Amino acid sequence: MAQTTALQTVEYRIDDVRFADTRFTASSPQTLNWPDSVEYATRHASGTVLQSAAEAIAMRIALERKGPAARDHSEEAQTTRTTTVYFQENNRWYAAFDDIADPEQNLLLARPIDGCRAHMNYGKWRVPRQDYLVQETIQRAGRGQRIVELHGASFLELRLIDRDENPCFAGHPLIDAMVGDMAGRYATFLLEQGYVRMHLHLLPPDVLEHELRLDSNHVEVRPVRIERISSYSIGARCPLSAAGYARGVRDAPAFSR
């Protein structure tokens, strides 16, 4: 991994063909709320945006392998632009995932204050299903095969591999929709670190329907969050009012499986 300095800001490059053109900024020095995370990521240079979940994982792997002194908070909870849209259709519940880097098209990046205030004040961010950004987000998720039907569980414990050494974490449809081909790389890295399982946190159908009182005309929006490495968790449940570490990226690659 090479480092360059631009605008008095450390930038990282990852020795990975997928991220050959991508530049990563230094982490925020402390945890930030959602609007501040978006602002921190974009102020370093023209074209930088908040990291996606897959990019946060890639950075964690790269820095952790360089040793504790190089971590730059990559081991801590990571705020990401990867968007989860929970919605109902034909009496079934779904989660759609999207992390487009365009700040005008990404629902979370386009309306950071609205989402944060809604979660702080009401514990939910119900957006009309006919909202143009919601429609575009769901459509992109559909084209990318990133819409997954939800069932009863709010918490899943996924072994990284089964007893026959077949992938469990990387093969799960929700994980694949969240982080794509980084799931397999993350599983390999975690196994090297001595971990055997990952936890996945979601909003289940009963919470969406009864606690958040969501209906077919509205969606609930949450970010995907890569939790502290020692908690071996990834989630699409945490509200936008939660603080985390932020990192910017420039020339982000397209989502890949």
C-alpha atoms as a PDB file:
ATOM      1  CA  MET A   1       0.000   0.000   0.000  1.00  0.00           C
ATOM      2  CA  ALA A   2       1.307   3.428  -0.920  1.00  0.00           C
ATOM      3  CA  GLN A   3       0.555   6.769   0.704  1.00  0.00           C
ATOM      4  CA  THR A   4       0.511  10.173  -0.947  1.00  0.00           C
ATOM      5  CA  THR A   5      -0.143  13.575   0.532  1.00  0.00           C
ATOM      6  CA  ALA A   6      -2.684  15.895  -1.095  1.00  0.00           C
ATOM      7  CA  LEU A   7      -4.151  19.082   0.342  1.00  0.00           C
ATOM      8  CA  GLN A   8      -2.340  18.307   3.617  1.00  0.00           C
ATOM      9  CA  THR A   9      -4.383  15.123   3.905  1.00  0.00           C
ATOM     10  CA  VAL A  10      -3.033  11.593   3.941  1.00  0.00           C
ATOM     11  CA  GLU A  11      -4.384   9.501   1.083  1.00  0.00           C
ATOM     12  CA  TYR A  12      -4.123   5.748   0.873  1.00  0.00           C
ATOM     13  CA  ARG A  13      -4.013   3.444  -2.103  1.00  0.00           C
ATOM     14  CA  ILE A  14      -4.763  -0.269  -1.834  1.00  0.00           C
ATOM     15  CA  ASP A  15      -2.711  -2.871  -3.685  1.00  0.00           C
ATOM     16  CA  ASP A  16      -5.798  -4.465  -5.201  1.00  0.00           C
ATOM     17  CA  VAL A  17      -6.781  -4.354  -8.868  1.00  0.00           C
ATOM     18  CA  ARG A  18     -10.386  -3.526  -7.974  1.00  0.00           C
ATOM     19  CA  PHE A  19      -9.243  -0.366  -6.168  1.00  0.00           C
ATOM     20  CA  ALA A  20      -6.459   0.570  -8.570  1.00  0.00           C
ATOM     21  CA  ASP A  21      -7.931   4.015  -9.233  1.00  0.00           C
ATOM     22  CA  THR A  22      -9.435   4.615  -5.795  1.00  0.00           C
ATOM     23  CA  ARG A  23      -7.988   6.966  -3.194  1.00  0.00           C
ATOM     24  CA  PHE A  24      -8.935   6.755   0.481  1.00  0.00           C
ATOM     25  CA  THR A  25      -8.613   9.695   2.856  1.00  0.00           C
ATOM     26  CA  ALA A  26      -7.435   9.455   6.432  1.00  0.00           C
ATOM     27  CA  SER A  27     -10.072   8.528   8.975  1.00  0.00           C
ATOM     28  CA  SER A  28     -11.835  11.137  11.035  1.00  0.00           C
ATOM     29  CA  PRO A  29      -9.855  11.505  14.277  1.00  0.00           C
ATOM     30  CA  GLN A  30     -12.971  10.878  16.365  1.00  0.00           C
ATOM     31  CA  THR A  31     -16.485   9.532  15.920  1.00  0.00           C
ATOM     32  CA  LEU A  32     -18.876  11.849  14.093  1.00  0.00           C
ATOM     33  CA  ASN A  33     -22.620  12.106  13.711  1.00  0.00           C
ATOM     34  CA  TRP A  34     -24.127  11.461  10.301  1.00  0.00           C
ATOM     35  CA  PRO A  35     -24.141  14.990   8.794  1.00  0.00           C
ATOM     36  CA  ASP A  36     -20.599  15.603  10.071  1.00  0.00           C
ATOM     37  CA  SER A  37     -19.450  12.278   8.610  1.00  0.00           C
ATOM     38  CA  VAL A  38     -20.752  13.260   5.182  1.00  0.00           C
ATOM     39  CA  GLU A  39     -19.147  16.691   5.456  1.00  0.00           C
ATOM     40  CA  TYR A  40     -15.823  15.290   6.691  1.00  0.00           C
ATOM     41  CA  ALA A  41     -15.589  12.868   3.777  1.00  0.00           C
ATOM     42  CA  THR A  42     -16.301  15.492   1.123  1.00  0.00           C
ATOM     43  CA  ARG A  43     -14.132  18.385   2.242  1.00  0.00           C
ATOM     44  CA  HIS A  44     -10.723  16.834   1.522  1.00  0.00           C
ATOM     45  CA  ALA A  45     -10.692  17.186  -2.251  1.00  0.00           C
ATOM     46  CA  SER A  46     -13.017  17.525  -5.201  1.00  0.00           C
ATOM     47  CA  GLY A  47     -14.931  14.325  -5.838  1.00  0.00           C
ATOM     48  CA  THR A  48     -14.485  12.625  -2.466  1.00  0.00           C
ATOM     49  CA  VAL A  49     -17.511  11.017  -0.830  1.00  0.00           C
ATOM     50  CA  LEU A  50     -18.142   8.924   2.257  1.00  0.00           C
ATOM     51  CA  GLN A  51     -16.907   5.326   2.017  1.00  0.00           C
ATOM     52  CA  SER A  52     -19.207   2.433   1.159  1.00  0.00           C
ATOM     53  CA  ALA A  53     -19.463  -0.693   3.306  1.00  0.00           C
ATOM     54  CA  ALA A  54     -17.307  -2.659   0.850  1.00  0.00           C
ATOM     55  CA  GLU A  55     -14.701   0.109   0.760  1.00  0.00           C
ATOM     56  CA  ALA A  56     -14.617   0.286   4.566  1.00  0.00           C
ATOM     57  CA  ILE A  57     -13.936  -3.453   4.686  1.00  0.00           C
ATOM     58  CA  ALA A  58     -11.213  -3.192   2.044  1.00  0.00           C
ATOM     59  CA  MET A  59      -9.514  -0.435   4.010  1.00  0.00           C
ATOM     60  CA  ARG A  60      -9.805  -2.361   7.279  1.00  0.00           C
ATOM     61  CA  ILE A  61      -8.148  -5.413   5.753  1.00  0.00           C
ATOM     62  CA  ALA A  62      -5.342  -3.392   4.183  1.00  0.00           C
ATOM     63  CA  LEU A  63      -4.502  -1.367   7.297  1.00  0.00           C
ATOM     64  CA  GLU A  64      -4.898  -4.212   9.786  1.00  0.00           C
ATOM     65  CA  ARG A  65      -2.397  -6.276   7.805  1.00  0.00           C
ATOM     66  CA  LYS A  66       0.143  -3.469   8.187  1.00  0.00           C
ATOM     67  CA  GLY A  67      -0.022  -3.737  11.974  1.00  0.00           C
ATOM     68  CA  PRO A  68      -1.614  -1.907  14.919  1.00  0.00           C
ATOM     69  CA  ALA A  69       0.309   1.333  14.330  1.00  0.00           C
ATOM     70  CA  ALA A  70      -1.194   1.708  10.837  1.00  0.00           C
ATOM     71  CA  ARG A  71      -4.856   1.134  11.698  1.00  0.00           C
ATOM     72  CA  ASP A  72      -6.023   4.752  11.486  1.00  0.00           C
ATOM     73  CA  HIS A  73      -9.248   3.787  13.308  1.00  0.00           C
ATOM     74  CA  SER A  74     -10.075   1.134  10.689  1.00  0.00           C
ATOM     75  CA  GLU A  75     -10.761  -1.344  13.492  1.00  0.00           C
ATOM     76  CA  GLU A  76     -13.512   0.884  14.924  1.00  0.00           C
ATOM     77  CA  ALA A  77     -17.180   1.231  13.884  1.00  0.00           C
ATOM     78  CA  GLN A  78     -17.344   2.608  10.336  1.00  0.00           C
ATOM     79  CA  THR A  79     -20.019   4.931   8.990  1.00  0.00           C
ATOM     80  CA  THR A  80     -20.799   4.211   5.328  1.00  0.00           C
ATOM     81  CA  ARG A  81     -22.897   5.587   2.490  1.00  0.00           C
ATOM     82  CA  THR A  82     -24.324   2.122   1.731  1.00  0.00           C
ATOM     83  CA  THR A  83     -28.060   2.617   1.971  1.00  0.00           C
ATOM     84  CA  THR A  84     -30.703   0.156   3.146  1.00  0.00           C
ATOM     85  CA  VAL A  85     -34.277   0.821   2.046  1.00  0.00           C
ATOM     86  CA  TYR A  86     -36.822  -1.368   3.820  1.00  0.00           C
ATOM     87  CA  PHE A  87     -40.129  -1.687   2.000  1.00  0.00           C
ATOM     88  CA  GLN A  88     -43.246  -3.794   1.632  1.00  0.00           C
ATOM     89  CA  GLU A  89     -44.596  -5.199  -1.601  1.00  0.00           C
ATOM     90  CA  ASN A  90     -47.393  -7.717  -2.077  1.00  0.00           C
ATOM     91  CA  ASN A  91     -47.471  -8.291   1.693  1.00  0.00           C
ATOM     92  CA  ARG A  92     -43.802  -9.256   1.769  1.00  0.00           C
ATOM     93  CA  TRP A  93     -40.922  -7.306   3.269  1.00  0.00           C
ATOM     94  CA  TYR A  94     -37.667  -6.524   1.481  1.00  0.00           C
ATOM     95  CA  ALA A  95     -34.358  -4.746   1.977  1.00  0.00           C
ATOM     96  CA  ALA A  96     -32.805  -2.943  -0.993  1.00  0.00           C
ATOM     97  CA  PHE A  97     -29.119  -1.956  -0.878  1.00  0.00           C
ATOM     98  CA  ASP A  98     -27.404   0.812  -2.812  1.00  0.00           C
ATOM     99  CA  ASP A  99     -24.135   2.750  -2.496  1.00  0.00           C
ATOM    100  CA  ILE A 100     -23.951   4.900  -5.596  1.00  0.00           C
ATOM    101  CA  ALA A 101     -21.182   7.455  -5.093  1.00  0.00           C
ATOM    102  CA  ASP A 102     -23.049  10.375  -6.683  1.00  0.00           C
ATOM    103  CA  PRO A 103     -24.032  12.576  -3.702  1.00  0.00           C
ATOM    104  CA  GLU A 104     -27.086  13.857  -5.548  1.00  0.00           C
ATOM    105  CA  GLN A 105     -28.409  10.337  -6.228  1.00  0.00           C
ATOM    106  CA  ASN A 106     -27.412   8.585  -3.017  1.00  0.00           C
ATOM    107  CA  LEU A 107     -30.356   8.939  -0.640  1.00  0.00           C
ATOM    108  CA  LEU A 108     -28.237   9.092   2.515  1.00  0.00           C
ATOM    109  CA  LEU A 109     -25.737  11.574   1.097  1.00  0.00           C
ATOM    110  CA  ALA A 110     -28.380  13.805  -0.461  1.00  0.00           C
ATOM    111  CA  ARG A 111     -30.389  14.266   2.759  1.00  0.00           C
ATOM    112  CA  PRO A 112     -28.059  13.780   5.728  1.00  0.00           C
ATOM    113  CA  ILE A 113     -29.749  16.302   8.026  1.00  0.00           C
ATOM    114  CA  ASP A 114     -33.286  15.082   7.274  1.00  0.00           C
ATOM    115  CA  GLY A 115     -32.388  11.485   8.089  1.00  0.00           C
ATOM    116  CA  CYS A 116     -30.419  12.283  11.219  1.00  0.00           C
ATOM    117  CA  ARG A 117     -33.133  14.552  12.634  1.00  0.00           C
ATOM    118  CA  ALA A 118     -35.850  12.010  11.905  1.00  0.00           C
ATOM    119  CA  HIS A 119     -34.010   9.233  13.711  1.00  0.00           C
ATOM    120  CA  MET A 120     -33.064  11.471  16.634  1.00  0.00           C
ATOM    121  CA  ASN A 121     -36.581  12.837  17.106  1.00  0.00           C
ATOM    122  CA  TYR A 122     -38.794   9.932  16.121  1.00  0.00           C
ATOM    123  CA  GLY A 123     -36.606   6.810  15.965  1.00  0.00           C
ATOM    124  CA  LYS A 124     -37.521   6.287  12.327  1.00  0.00           C
ATOM    125  CA  TRP A 125     -37.160   7.938   8.938  1.00  0.00           C
ATOM    126  CA  ARG A 126     -40.295   7.122   6.981  1.00  0.00           C
ATOM    127  CA  VAL A 127     -39.985   8.372   3.419  1.00  0.00           C
ATOM    128  CA  PRO A 128     -42.818   8.135   0.858  1.00  0.00           C
ATOM    129  CA  ARG A 129     -42.404   5.219  -1.533  1.00  0.00           C
ATOM    130  CA  GLN A 130     -43.078   7.586  -4.438  1.00  0.00           C
ATOM    131  CA  ASP A 131     -40.170   9.876  -3.496  1.00  0.00           C
ATOM    132  CA  TYR A 132     -37.982  10.079  -6.610  1.00  0.00           C
ATOM    133  CA  LEU A 133     -34.760   9.204  -4.760  1.00  0.00           C
ATOM    134  CA  VAL A 134     -36.433   6.230  -3.114  1.00  0.00           C
ATOM    135  CA  GLN A 135     -37.718   4.998  -6.464  1.00  0.00           C
ATOM    136  CA  GLU A 136     -34.297   5.383  -8.086  1.00  0.00           C
ATOM    137  CA  THR A 137     -32.596   3.612  -5.172  1.00  0.00           C
ATOM    138  CA  ILE A 138     -34.918   0.614  -5.350  1.00  0.00           C
ATOM    139  CA  GLN A 139     -34.624   0.457  -9.133  1.00  0.00           C
ATOM    140  CA  ARG A 140     -30.803   0.475  -8.983  1.00  0.00           C
ATOM    141  CA  ALA A 141     -30.874  -2.196  -6.301  1.00  0.00           C
ATOM    142  CA  GLY A 142     -33.146  -4.309  -8.485  1.00  0.00           C
ATOM    143  CA  ARG A 143     -30.891  -3.984 -11.523  1.00  0.00           C
ATOM    144  CA  GLY A 144     -27.917  -4.941  -9.376  1.00  0.00           C
ATOM    145  CA  GLN A 145     -29.754  -7.888  -7.788  1.00  0.00           C
ATOM    146  CA  ARG A 146     -29.387  -6.244  -4.399  1.00  0.00           C
ATOM    147  CA  ILE A 147     -32.962  -6.682  -3.148  1.00  0.00           C
ATOM    148  CA  VAL A 148     -33.435  -9.451  -0.586  1.00  0.00           C
ATOM    149  CA  GLU A 149     -36.642 -10.701   0.982  1.00  0.00           C
ATOM    150  CA  LEU A 150     -36.732 -10.485   4.770  1.00  0.00           C
ATOM    151  CA  HIS A 151     -38.002 -13.135   7.138  1.00  0.00           C
ATOM    152  CA  GLY A 152     -38.361 -13.208  10.916  1.00  0.00           C
ATOM    153  CA  ALA A 153     -34.885 -12.722  12.337  1.00  0.00           C
ATOM    154  CA  SER A 154     -33.419  -9.429  13.514  1.00  0.00           C
ATOM    155  CA  PHE A 155     -30.112 -11.078  14.416  1.00  0.00           C
ATOM    156  CA  LEU A 156     -28.258 -13.742  12.473  1.00  0.00           C
ATOM    157  CA  GLU A 157     -25.107 -15.522  13.606  1.00  0.00           C
ATOM    158  CA  LEU A 158     -23.246 -16.655  10.516  1.00  0.00           C
ATOM    159  CA  ARG A 159     -20.256 -18.952  10.696  1.00  0.00           C
ATOM    160  CA  LEU A 160     -17.510 -17.870   8.329  1.00  0.00           C
ATOM    161  CA  ILE A 161     -17.195 -21.442   7.047  1.00  0.00           C
ATOM    162  CA  ASP A 162     -19.054 -24.625   7.867  1.00  0.00           C
ATOM    163  CA  ARG A 163     -17.529 -27.895   9.068  1.00  0.00           C
ATOM    164  CA  ASP A 164     -16.710 -28.852   5.494  1.00  0.00           C
ATOM    165  CA  GLU A 165     -15.000 -25.474   4.973  1.00  0.00           C
ATOM    166  CA  ASN A 166     -17.752 -24.193   2.683  1.00  0.00           C
ATOM    167  CA  PRO A 167     -18.488 -20.451   2.911  1.00  0.00           C
ATOM    168  CA  CYS A 168     -21.482 -19.423   5.029  1.00  0.00           C
ATOM    169  CA  PHE A 169     -20.940 -15.712   5.616  1.00  0.00           C
ATOM    170  CA  ALA A 170     -19.852 -14.908   2.056  1.00  0.00           C
ATOM    171  CA  GLY A 171     -22.627 -16.984   0.538  1.00  0.00           C
ATOM    172  CA  HIS A 172     -25.474 -15.383   2.453  1.00  0.00           C
ATOM    173  CA  PRO A 173     -27.751 -13.323   0.154  1.00  0.00           C
ATOM    174  CA  LEU A 174     -27.976 -10.368   2.563  1.00  0.00           C
ATOM    175  CA  ILE A 175     -24.211 -10.149   2.986  1.00  0.00           C
ATOM    176  CA  ASP A 176     -23.662 -10.461  -0.764  1.00  0.00           C
ATOM    177  CA  ALA A 177     -26.178  -7.669  -1.397  1.00  0.00           C
ATOM    178  CA  MET A 178     -24.495  -5.431   1.191  1.00  0.00           C
ATOM    179  CA  VAL A 179     -20.817  -5.792   0.314  1.00  0.00           C
ATOM    180  CA  GLY A 180     -20.578  -7.970  -2.802  1.00  0.00           C
ATOM    181  CA  ASP A 181     -17.279  -9.704  -3.465  1.00  0.00           C
ATOM    182  CA  MET A 182     -15.673  -8.130  -0.394  1.00  0.00           C
ATOM    183  CA  ALA A 183     -17.610 -10.674   1.700  1.00  0.00           C
ATOM    184  CA  GLY A 184     -15.287 -13.511   0.721  1.00  0.00           C
ATOM    185  CA  ARG A 185     -12.181 -11.413   1.305  1.00  0.00           C
ATOM    186  CA  TYR A 186     -13.453 -10.275   4.686  1.00  0.00           C
ATOM    187  CA  ALA A 187     -14.230 -13.855   5.721  1.00  0.00           C
ATOM    188  CA  THR A 188     -10.707 -14.935   4.777  1.00  0.00           C
ATOM    189  CA  PHE A 189      -9.215 -12.041   6.731  1.00  0.00           C
ATOM    190  CA  LEU A 190     -11.348 -12.733   9.819  1.00  0.00           C
ATOM    191  CA  LEU A 191     -10.400 -16.416   9.766  1.00  0.00           C
ATOM    192  CA  GLU A 192      -6.752 -15.381   9.691  1.00  0.00           C
ATOM    193  CA  GLN A 193      -7.429 -13.239  12.773  1.00  0.00           C
ATOM    194  CA  GLY A 194      -8.944 -16.183  14.620  1.00  0.00           C
ATOM    195  CA  TYR A 195     -12.627 -15.321  14.259  1.00  0.00           C
ATOM    196  CA  VAL A 196     -15.135 -18.034  13.393  1.00  0.00           C
ATOM    197  CA  ARG A 197     -18.426 -16.153  12.996  1.00  0.00           C
ATOM    198  CA  MET A 198     -20.043 -12.834  12.123  1.00  0.00           C
ATOM    199  CA  HIS A 199     -23.217 -11.221  13.451  1.00  0.00           C
ATOM    200  CA  LEU A 200     -25.731  -9.591  11.118  1.00  0.00           C
ATOM    201  CA  HIS A 201     -28.261  -7.082  12.501  1.00  0.00           C
ATOM    202  CA  LEU A 202     -31.439  -6.142  10.608  1.00  0.00           C
ATOM    203  CA  LEU A 203     -34.865  -4.614  11.017  1.00  0.00           C
ATOM    204  CA  PRO A 204     -37.200  -7.642  10.812  1.00  0.00           C
ATOM    205  CA  PRO A 205     -40.723  -7.555   9.368  1.00  0.00           C
ATOM    206  CA  ASP A 206     -42.457  -7.429  12.771  1.00  0.00           C
ATOM    207  CA  VAL A 207     -40.461  -4.344  13.815  1.00  0.00           C
ATOM    208  CA  LEU A 208     -41.060  -2.650  10.477  1.00  0.00           C
ATOM    209  CA  GLU A 209     -44.798  -3.296  10.612  1.00  0.00           C
ATOM    210  CA  HIS A 210     -45.661  -2.963  14.292  1.00  0.00           C
ATOM    211  CA  GLU A 211     -43.000  -0.766  15.922  1.00  0.00           C
ATOM    212  CA  LEU A 212     -42.188   1.547  13.016  1.00  0.00           C
ATOM    213  CA  ARG A 213     -45.718   1.231  11.583  1.00  0.00           C
ATOM    214  CA  LEU A 214     -44.420   1.033   8.050  1.00  0.00           C
ATOM    215  CA  ASP A 215     -46.894   0.434   5.241  1.00  0.00           C
ATOM    216  CA  SER A 216     -46.655  -0.173   1.508  1.00  0.00           C
ATOM    217  CA  ASN A 217     -46.686   3.572   0.824  1.00  0.00           C
ATOM    218  CA  HIS A 218     -43.572   4.343   2.873  1.00  0.00           C
ATOM    219  CA  VAL A 219     -40.040   3.029   3.326  1.00  0.00           C
ATOM    220  CA  GLU A 220     -37.603   3.098   6.233  1.00  0.00           C
ATOM    221  CA  VAL A 221     -34.027   4.159   5.446  1.00  0.00           C
ATOM    222  CA  ARG A 222     -30.947   3.004   7.383  1.00  0.00           C
ATOM    223  CA  PRO A 223     -27.214   2.953   6.671  1.00  0.00           C
ATOM    224  CA  VAL A 224     -25.100  -0.193   6.540  1.00  0.00           C
ATOM    225  CA  ARG A 225     -22.570   0.011   9.347  1.00  0.00           C
ATOM    226  CA  ILE A 226     -19.381  -2.012   9.714  1.00  0.00           C
ATOM    227  CA  GLU A 227     -19.050  -2.448  13.443  1.00  0.00           C
ATOM    228  CA  ARG A 228     -15.902  -2.542  15.563  1.00  0.00           C
ATOM    229  CA  ILE A 229     -13.822  -5.536  14.495  1.00  0.00           C
ATOM    230  CA  SER A 230     -13.864  -7.066  17.984  1.00  0.00           C
ATOM    231  CA  SER A 231     -17.673  -7.204  17.854  1.00  0.00           C
ATOM    232  CA  TYR A 232     -17.506  -9.124  14.534  1.00  0.00           C
ATOM    233  CA  SER A 233     -20.747  -7.510  13.370  1.00  0.00           C
ATOM    234  CA  ILE A 234     -22.231  -5.843  10.328  1.00  0.00           C
ATOM    235  CA  GLY A 235     -25.634  -4.233  10.410  1.00  0.00           C
ATOM    236  CA  ALA A 236     -28.402  -2.426   8.579  1.00  0.00           C
ATOM    237  CA  ARG A 237     -30.322  -1.526  11.725  1.00  0.00           C
ATOM    238  CA  CYS A 238     -28.371   1.329  13.337  1.00  0.00           C
ATOM    239  CA  PRO A 239     -30.067   4.760  13.104  1.00  0.00           C
ATOM    240  CA  LEU A 240     -28.451   7.766  11.454  1.00  0.00           C
ATOM    241  CA  SER A 241     -28.209   9.367  14.898  1.00  0.00           C
ATOM    242  CA  ALA A 242     -25.436   6.900  15.869  1.00  0.00           C
ATOM    243  CA  ALA A 243     -21.835   8.116  15.699  1.00  0.00           C
ATOM    244  CA  GLY A 244     -19.011   6.345  13.894  1.00  0.00           C
ATOM    245  CA  TYR A 245     -15.685   6.935  12.178  1.00  0.00           C
ATOM    246  CA  ALA A 246     -15.813   8.456   8.701  1.00  0.00           C
ATOM    247  CA  ARG A 247     -13.473   8.130   5.724  1.00  0.00           C
ATOM    248  CA  GLY A 248     -13.664   9.638   2.256  1.00  0.00           C
ATOM    249  CA  VAL A 249     -12.988   7.953  -1.081  1.00  0.00           C
ATOM    250  CA  ARG A 250     -12.321   9.300  -4.546  1.00  0.00           C
ATOM    251  CA  ASP A 251     -12.931   7.412  -7.805  1.00  0.00           C
ATOM    252  CA  ALA A 252     -14.901   4.693  -6.026  1.00  0.00           C
ATOM    253  CA  PRO A 253     -15.324   1.482  -8.039  1.00  0.00           C
ATOM    254  CA  ALA A 254     -18.750   0.213  -9.004  1.00  0.00           C
ATOM    255  CA  PHE A 255     -20.372  -2.423  -6.797  1.00  0.00           C
ATOM    256  CA  SER A 256     -19.026  -5.829  -7.713  1.00  0.00           C
ATOM    257  CA  ARG A 257     -19.874  -9.446  -7.057  1.00  0.00           C
END
